[in-house]
């Protein structure tokens, strides 16, 4: 396994601290971190608007 750089660890920790819902994927090649991907999930509650004519069919 290659050496993990402090900047890589800092980036991973920072990403995790700022993520409420989602995932972090760490891609490793030949024992070294090559890429870090973060996907954030955002969910919204349905709006409480009145039903439109097309919603009542």
PDB file of N, CA and C in Angstrom:
ATOM      1  N   UNK A   1       0.841  -1.170   0.000  1.00  0.00           N
ATOM      2  CA  UNK A   1       0.000   0.000   0.000  1.00  0.00           C
ATOM      3  C   UNK A   1       0.891   1.240   0.000  1.00  0.00           C
ATOM      4  N   UNK A   2       0.508   2.244  -0.805  1.00  0.00           N
ATOM      5  CA  UNK A   2       1.266   3.484  -0.868  1.00  0.00           C
ATOM      6  C   UNK A   2       1.006   4.361   0.339  1.00  0.00           C
ATOM      7  N   UNK A   3       1.781   5.398   0.441  1.00  0.00           N
ATOM      8  CA  UNK A   3       1.627   6.340   1.547  1.00  0.00           C
ATOM      9  C   UNK A   3       0.414   7.226   1.296  1.00  0.00           C
ATOM     10  N   UNK A   4      -0.381   7.435   2.331  1.00  0.00           N
ATOM     11  CA  UNK A   4      -1.532   8.327   2.240  1.00  0.00           C
ATOM     12  C   UNK A   4      -1.077   9.719   2.654  1.00  0.00           C
ATOM     13  N   UNK A   5      -1.253  10.665   1.761  1.00  0.00           N
ATOM     14  CA  UNK A   5      -0.831  12.037   2.017  1.00  0.00           C
ATOM     15  C   UNK A   5      -1.774  12.713   3.014  1.00  0.00           C
ATOM     16  N   UNK A   6      -1.233  13.608   3.811  1.00  0.00           N
ATOM     17  CA  UNK A   6      -2.039  14.354   4.779  1.00  0.00           C
ATOM     18  C   UNK A   6      -3.129  15.151   4.078  1.00  0.00           C
ATOM     19  N   UNK A   7      -2.826  15.682   2.892  1.00  0.00           N
ATOM     20  CA  UNK A   7      -3.829  16.461   2.154  1.00  0.00           C
ATOM     21  C   UNK A   7      -5.009  15.580   1.727  1.00  0.00           C
ATOM     22  N   UNK A   8      -4.733  14.306   1.433  1.00  0.00           N
ATOM     23  CA  UNK A   8      -5.814  13.391   1.066  1.00  0.00           C
ATOM     24  C   UNK A   8      -6.699  13.104   2.276  1.00  0.00           C
ATOM     25  N   UNK A   9      -6.080  12.864   3.409  1.00  0.00           N
ATOM     26  CA  UNK A   9      -6.844  12.622   4.641  1.00  0.00           C
ATOM     27  C   UNK A   9      -7.663  13.854   5.002  1.00  0.00           C
ATOM     28  N   UNK A  10      -7.047  15.031   4.911  1.00  0.00           N
ATOM     29  CA  UNK A  10      -7.755  16.279   5.209  1.00  0.00           C
ATOM     30  C   UNK A  10      -8.963  16.452   4.295  1.00  0.00           C
ATOM     31  N   UNK A  11      -8.789  16.139   3.016  1.00  0.00           N
ATOM     32  CA  UNK A  11      -9.894  16.279   2.059  1.00  0.00           C
ATOM     33  C   UNK A  11     -11.029  15.308   2.388  1.00  0.00           C
ATOM     34  N   UNK A  12     -10.693  14.077   2.711  1.00  0.00           N
ATOM     35  CA  UNK A  12     -11.715  13.078   3.057  1.00  0.00           C
ATOM     36  C   UNK A  12     -12.475  13.505   4.310  1.00  0.00           C
ATOM     37  N   UNK A  13     -11.763  13.921   5.325  1.00  0.00           N
ATOM     38  CA  UNK A  13     -12.397  14.345   6.582  1.00  0.00           C
ATOM     39  C   UNK A  13     -13.285  15.562   6.348  1.00  0.00           C
ATOM     40  N   UNK A  14     -12.795  16.539   5.609  1.00  0.00           N
ATOM     41  CA  UNK A  14     -13.568  17.741   5.307  1.00  0.00           C
ATOM     42  C   UNK A  14     -14.839  17.402   4.535  1.00  0.00           C
ATOM     43  N   UNK A  15     -14.717  16.505   3.574  1.00  0.00           N
ATOM     44  CA  UNK A  15     -15.875  16.088   2.792  1.00  0.00           C
ATOM     45  C   UNK A  15     -16.911  15.429   3.685  1.00  0.00           C
ATOM     46  N   UNK A  16     -16.478  14.551   4.561  1.00  0.00           N
ATOM     47  CA  UNK A  16     -17.404  13.864   5.466  1.00  0.00           C
ATOM     48  C   UNK A  16     -18.068  14.836   6.444  1.00  0.00           C
ATOM     49  N   UNK A  17     -17.312  15.801   6.936  1.00  0.00           N
ATOM     50  CA  UNK A  17     -17.868  16.773   7.883  1.00  0.00           C
ATOM     51  C   UNK A  17     -18.938  17.654   7.250  1.00  0.00           C
ATOM     52  N   UNK A  18     -18.816  17.902   5.954  1.00  0.00           N
ATOM     53  CA  UNK A  18     -19.748  18.795   5.268  1.00  0.00           C
ATOM     54  C   UNK A  18     -20.881  18.070   4.559  1.00  0.00           C
ATOM     55  N   UNK A  19     -20.970  16.772   4.720  1.00  0.00           N
ATOM     56  CA  UNK A  19     -21.966  15.972   4.021  1.00  0.00           C
ATOM     57  C   UNK A  19     -23.019  15.495   5.012  1.00  0.00           C
ATOM     58  N   UNK A  20     -24.293  15.878   4.757  1.00  0.00           N
ATOM     59  CA  UNK A  20     -25.357  15.402   5.633  1.00  0.00           C
ATOM     60  C   UNK A  20     -25.906  14.068   5.164  1.00  0.00           C
ATOM     61  N   UNK A  21     -26.178  13.977   3.860  1.00  0.00           N
ATOM     62  CA  UNK A  21     -26.700  12.746   3.275  1.00  0.00           C
ATOM     63  C   UNK A  21     -25.968  12.520   1.959  1.00  0.00           C
ATOM     64  N   UNK A  22     -25.480  11.340   1.745  1.00  0.00           N
ATOM     65  CA  UNK A  22     -24.798  11.063   0.487  1.00  0.00           C
ATOM     66  C   UNK A  22     -23.747   9.991   0.657  1.00  0.00           C
ATOM     67  N   UNK A  23     -22.769  10.046  -0.229  1.00  0.00           N
ATOM     68  CA  UNK A  23     -21.723   9.036  -0.183  1.00  0.00           C
ATOM     69  C   UNK A  23     -20.392   9.622  -0.619  1.00  0.00           C
ATOM     70  N   UNK A  24     -19.328   8.986  -0.142  1.00  0.00           N
ATOM     71  CA  UNK A  24     -17.974   9.333  -0.533  1.00  0.00           C
ATOM     72  C   UNK A  24     -17.331   8.058  -1.062  1.00  0.00           C
ATOM     73  N   UNK A  25     -16.817   8.128  -2.283  1.00  0.00           N
ATOM     74  CA  UNK A  25     -16.174   6.978  -2.904  1.00  0.00           C
ATOM     75  C   UNK A  25     -14.694   7.299  -3.077  1.00  0.00           C
ATOM     76  N   UNK A  26     -13.855   6.428  -2.570  1.00  0.00           N
ATOM     77  CA  UNK A  26     -12.407   6.604  -2.679  1.00  0.00           C
ATOM     78  C   UNK A  26     -11.894   5.542  -3.650  1.00  0.00           C
ATOM     79  N   UNK A  27     -11.372   5.999  -4.782  1.00  0.00           N
ATOM     80  CA  UNK A  27     -10.845   5.078  -5.792  1.00  0.00           C
ATOM     81  C   UNK A  27      -9.354   4.884  -5.558  1.00  0.00           C
ATOM     82  N   UNK A  28      -8.953   3.622  -5.495  1.00  0.00           N
ATOM     83  CA  UNK A  28      -7.561   3.266  -5.214  1.00  0.00           C
ATOM     84  C   UNK A  28      -7.007   2.472  -6.385  1.00  0.00           C
ATOM     85  N   UNK A  29      -5.792   2.779  -6.796  1.00  0.00           N
ATOM     86  CA  UNK A  29      -5.119   2.059  -7.882  1.00  0.00           C
ATOM     87  C   UNK A  29      -3.691   1.770  -7.441  1.00  0.00           C
ATOM     88  N   UNK A  30      -3.319   0.518  -7.488  1.00  0.00           N
ATOM     89  CA  UNK A  30      -1.981   0.095  -7.035  1.00  0.00           C
ATOM     90  C   UNK A  30      -1.675   0.570  -5.621  1.00  0.00           C
ATOM     91  N   UNK A  31      -2.676   0.528  -4.764  1.00  0.00           N
ATOM     92  CA  UNK A  31      -2.476   0.869  -3.362  1.00  0.00           C
ATOM     93  C   UNK A  31      -2.432   2.362  -3.060  1.00  0.00           C
ATOM     94  N   UNK A  32      -2.713   3.202  -4.055  1.00  0.00           N
ATOM     95  CA  UNK A  32      -2.679   4.648  -3.832  1.00  0.00           C
ATOM     96  C   UNK A  32      -4.028   5.261  -4.157  1.00  0.00           C
ATOM     97  N   UNK A  33      -4.428   6.257  -3.371  1.00  0.00           N
ATOM     98  CA  UNK A  33      -5.672   6.964  -3.632  1.00  0.00           C
ATOM     99  C   UNK A  33      -5.509   7.761  -4.915  1.00  0.00           C
ATOM    100  N   UNK A  34      -6.400   7.504  -5.860  1.00  0.00           N
ATOM    101  CA  UNK A  34      -6.338   8.194  -7.146  1.00  0.00           C
ATOM    102  C   UNK A  34      -7.438   9.236  -7.299  1.00  0.00           C
ATOM    103  N   UNK A  35      -8.573   9.002  -6.625  1.00  0.00           N
ATOM    104  CA  UNK A  35      -9.719   9.890  -6.824  1.00  0.00           C
ATOM    105  C   UNK A  35     -10.652   9.797  -5.629  1.00  0.00           C
ATOM    106  N   UNK A  36     -11.271  10.922  -5.307  1.00  0.00           N
ATOM    107  CA  UNK A  36     -12.269  10.970  -4.244  1.00  0.00           C
ATOM    108  C   UNK A  36     -13.512  11.632  -4.822  1.00  0.00           C
ATOM    109  N   UNK A  37     -14.630  10.901  -4.815  1.00  0.00           N
ATOM    110  CA  UNK A  37     -15.896  11.421  -5.336  1.00  0.00           C
ATOM    111  C   UNK A  37     -16.889  11.543  -4.188  1.00  0.00           C
ATOM    112  N   UNK A  38     -17.577  12.676  -4.146  1.00  0.00           N
ATOM    113  CA  UNK A  38     -18.634  12.864  -3.147  1.00  0.00           C
ATOM    114  C   UNK A  38     -19.939  13.137  -3.883  1.00  0.00           C
ATOM    115  N   UNK A  39     -20.978  12.438  -3.464  1.00  0.00           N
ATOM    116  CA  UNK A  39     -22.310  12.644  -4.017  1.00  0.00           C
ATOM    117  C   UNK A  39     -23.218  13.062  -2.877  1.00  0.00           C
ATOM    118  N   UNK A  40     -23.825  14.215  -3.033  1.00  0.00           N
ATOM    119  CA  UNK A  40     -24.712  14.721  -1.990  1.00  0.00           C
ATOM    120  C   UNK A  40     -26.160  14.473  -2.386  1.00  0.00           C
ATOM    121  N   UNK A  41     -26.931  13.993  -1.442  1.00  0.00           N
ATOM    122  CA  UNK A  41     -28.348  13.751  -1.662  1.00  0.00           C
ATOM    123  C   UNK A  41     -29.128  14.878  -0.992  1.00  0.00           C
ATOM    124  N   UNK A  42     -30.075  15.408  -1.706  1.00  0.00           N
ATOM    125  CA  UNK A  42     -30.979  16.417  -1.138  1.00  0.00           C
ATOM    126  C   UNK A  42     -32.394  15.962  -1.379  1.00  0.00           C
ATOM    127  N   UNK A  43     -33.157  15.923  -0.328  1.00  0.00           N
ATOM    128  CA  UNK A  43     -34.555  15.515  -0.435  1.00  0.00           C
ATOM    129  C   UNK A  43     -35.424  16.667   0.010  1.00  0.00           C
ATOM    130  N   UNK A  44     -36.503  16.860  -0.715  1.00  0.00           N
ATOM    131  CA  UNK A  44     -37.417  17.956  -0.435  1.00  0.00           C
ATOM    132  C   UNK A  44     -38.791  17.392  -0.117  1.00  0.00           C
ATOM    133  N   UNK A  45     -39.417  17.976   0.887  1.00  0.00           N
ATOM    134  CA  UNK A  45     -40.767  17.565   1.253  1.00  0.00           C
ATOM    135  C   UNK A  45     -41.727  18.057   0.174  1.00  0.00           C
ATOM    136  N   UNK A  46     -42.786  17.286  -0.112  1.00  0.00           N
ATOM    137  CA  UNK A  46     -43.765  17.745  -1.102  1.00  0.00           C
ATOM    138  C   UNK A  46     -44.367  19.070  -0.653  1.00  0.00           C
ATOM    139  N   UNK A  47     -44.618  19.941  -1.620  1.00  0.00           N
ATOM    140  CA  UNK A  47     -45.214  21.235  -1.267  1.00  0.00           C
ATOM    141  C   UNK A  47     -46.674  21.027  -0.900  1.00  0.00           C
ATOM    142  N   UNK A  48     -47.173  21.879  -0.060  1.00  0.00           N
ATOM    143  CA  UNK A  48     -48.565  21.775   0.396  1.00  0.00           C
ATOM    144  C   UNK A  48     -49.433  22.751  -0.393  1.00  0.00           C
ATOM    145  N   UNK A  49     -49.427  22.579  -1.706  1.00  0.00           N
ATOM    146  CA  UNK A  49     -50.237  23.431  -2.564  1.00  0.00           C
ATOM    147  C   UNK A  49     -51.592  22.785  -2.761  1.00  0.00           C
ATOM    148  N   UNK A  50     -52.551  23.571  -3.197  1.00  0.00           N
ATOM    149  CA  UNK A  50     -53.866  22.999  -3.435  1.00  0.00           C
ATOM    150  C   UNK A  50     -53.804  22.127  -4.675  1.00  0.00           C
ATOM    151  N   UNK A  51     -54.662  21.128  -4.726  1.00  0.00           N
ATOM    152  CA  UNK A  51     -54.664  20.188  -5.836  1.00  0.00           C
ATOM    153  C   UNK A  51     -55.122  20.880  -7.110  1.00  0.00           C
ATOM    154  N   UNK A  52     -54.395  20.655  -8.187  1.00  0.00           N
ATOM    155  CA  UNK A  52     -54.792  21.203  -9.488  1.00  0.00           C
ATOM    156  C   UNK A  52     -55.727  20.217 -10.146  1.00  0.00           C
ATOM    157  N   UNK A  53     -56.492  20.643 -11.154  1.00  0.00           N
ATOM    158  CA  UNK A  53     -57.445  19.721 -11.814  1.00  0.00           C
ATOM    159  C   UNK A  53     -56.789  18.455 -12.327  1.00  0.00           C
ATOM    160  N   UNK A  54     -55.547  18.515 -12.800  1.00  0.00           N
ATOM    161  CA  UNK A  54     -54.927  17.299 -13.318  1.00  0.00           C
ATOM    162  C   UNK A  54     -54.533  16.334 -12.197  1.00  0.00           C
ATOM    163  N   UNK A  55     -54.390  16.841 -10.957  1.00  0.00           N
ATOM    164  CA  UNK A  55     -54.047  15.970  -9.826  1.00  0.00           C
ATOM    165  C   UNK A  55     -55.242  15.185  -9.323  1.00  0.00           C
ATOM    166  N   UNK A  56     -56.426  15.578  -9.689  1.00  0.00           N
ATOM    167  CA  UNK A  56     -57.635  14.935  -9.167  1.00  0.00           C
ATOM    168  C   UNK A  56     -58.190  13.876 -10.092  1.00  0.00           C
ATOM    169  N   UNK A  57     -57.522  13.616 -11.195  1.00  0.00           N
ATOM    170  CA  UNK A  57     -58.023  12.590 -12.139  1.00  0.00           C
ATOM    171  C   UNK A  57     -57.742  11.204 -11.635  1.00  0.00           C
TER     172      UNK A  57
END
